Amino acid sequence: MSTKVAELTVDEFKQIIEEAVERKLSEMLSNADEGLELRPQIEQRLSSSLDYVTAGGKTLSLEEITTYAEFADEDVALAEAGISEYADLLAHEDSAT
């Protein structure tokens, strides 16, 4: 037989809510990767990264990485434009000879 919310005491209702919130938080905060194994290549990369930082290597913030990526995109675009111009120049020189 099911009980209606109106039939619960305030303490019983609080208990139900607390249990539901605790269950949902546990689901949300649990480690979805628990029990999985890392591939050896990933383990090696993580180990190298930790060694680098332990030896005084600098880590980058998300902002720094984003800035570098934006500059890289610009550099690639400039390089591609330069390669295209260089190829056109070579083609022009070849046709002149």
Protein backbone atom coordinates (compact mmCIF):
# COMPACT_ATOMS: atom_id res chain seq x y z
CA MET A 1 0.00 0.00 0.00
CA SER A 2 1.45 3.37 -0.97
CA THR A 3 1.48 6.34 1.33
CA LYS A 4 0.46 9.79 0.16
CA VAL A 5 2.73 12.75 0.83
CA ALA A 6 -0.07 14.40 2.81
CA GLU A 7 -0.02 11.43 5.20
CA LEU A 8 3.72 11.81 5.99
CA THR A 9 5.10 13.72 8.90
CA VAL A 10 7.48 16.56 8.15
CA ASP A 11 10.39 14.45 9.41
CA GLU A 12 9.40 11.49 7.22
CA PHE A 13 9.10 13.75 4.18
CA LYS A 14 12.51 15.33 4.92
CA GLN A 15 14.04 11.87 5.22
CA ILE A 16 12.66 10.82 1.83
CA ILE A 17 13.96 14.00 0.20
CA GLU A 18 17.40 13.63 1.84
CA GLU A 19 17.69 10.03 0.65
CA ALA A 20 16.66 10.97 -2.89
CA VAL A 21 19.13 13.87 -3.04
CA GLU A 22 21.92 11.73 -1.59
CA ARG A 23 21.22 8.97 -4.13
CA LYS A 24 21.22 11.43 -7.06
CA LEU A 25 24.41 13.17 -5.89
CA SER A 26 26.09 9.81 -5.49
CA GLU A 27 25.13 8.93 -9.08
CA MET A 28 26.34 12.28 -10.42
CA LEU A 29 29.62 12.35 -8.51
CA SER A 30 30.57 8.73 -8.94
CA ASN A 31 33.55 7.86 -11.11
CA ALA A 32 32.15 6.63 -14.41
CA ASP A 33 35.59 5.24 -15.30
CA GLU A 34 35.95 3.21 -12.13
CA GLY A 35 37.24 -0.26 -12.87
CA LEU A 36 38.49 0.62 -16.36
CA GLU A 37 42.15 0.23 -17.22
CA LEU A 38 44.33 2.76 -19.01
CA ARG A 39 46.06 1.79 -22.22
CA PRO A 40 49.84 1.51 -21.73
CA GLN A 41 50.43 4.51 -24.04
CA ILE A 42 48.18 6.72 -21.91
CA GLU A 43 49.82 5.51 -18.70
CA GLN A 44 53.22 6.41 -20.18
CA ARG A 45 52.03 9.88 -21.23
CA LEU A 46 50.56 10.55 -17.79
CA SER A 47 53.71 9.33 -16.10
CA SER A 48 55.88 11.53 -18.34
CA SER A 49 53.64 14.51 -17.66
CA LEU A 50 53.86 13.99 -13.90
CA ASP A 51 57.65 13.60 -14.12
CA TYR A 52 57.84 16.84 -16.11
CA VAL A 53 55.82 18.79 -13.54
CA THR A 54 57.71 17.21 -10.62
CA ALA A 55 60.98 18.34 -12.23
CA GLY A 56 59.69 21.92 -12.30
CA GLY A 57 57.99 21.93 -15.69
CA LYS A 58 55.36 24.59 -16.26
CA THR A 59 51.71 23.73 -16.68
CA LEU A 60 49.35 25.89 -18.73
CA SER A 61 46.01 27.35 -17.76
CA LEU A 62 42.99 26.88 -19.99
CA GLU A 63 43.29 30.55 -20.96
CA GLU A 64 46.91 30.07 -22.07
CA ILE A 65 46.03 26.97 -24.08
CA THR A 66 43.16 28.79 -25.76
CA THR A 67 45.43 31.72 -26.63
CA TYR A 68 48.07 29.39 -28.07
CA ALA A 69 45.41 27.57 -30.10
CA GLU A 70 44.10 30.86 -31.51
CA PHE A 71 47.63 31.89 -32.51
CA ALA A 72 48.24 28.46 -34.02
CA ASP A 73 45.10 28.79 -36.14
CA GLU A 74 46.31 32.19 -37.36
CA ASP A 75 49.81 30.81 -38.03
CA VAL A 76 48.38 27.90 -40.02
CA ALA A 77 46.24 30.26 -42.08
CA LEU A 78 49.25 32.51 -42.74
CA ALA A 79 51.45 29.53 -43.58
CA GLU A 80 48.85 28.15 -45.96
CA ALA A 81 48.56 31.54 -47.65
CA GLY A 82 52.37 31.73 -47.83
CA ILE A 83 52.65 28.24 -49.31
CA SER A 84 50.03 29.12 -51.89
CA GLU A 85 51.85 32.33 -52.84
CA TYR A 86 55.18 30.48 -52.94
CA ALA A 87 53.70 27.76 -55.16
CA ASP A 88 52.30 30.43 -57.49
CA LEU A 89 55.70 32.13 -57.60
CA LEU A 90 57.44 28.84 -58.44
CA ALA A 91 54.87 28.07 -61.12
CA HIS A 92 55.39 31.53 -62.62
CA GLU A 93 59.18 31.09 -62.59
CA ASP A 94 58.88 27.66 -64.23
CA SER A 95 56.67 29.02 -66.98
CA ALA A 96 59.12 31.93 -67.62
CA THR A 97 62.04 29.54 -68.30
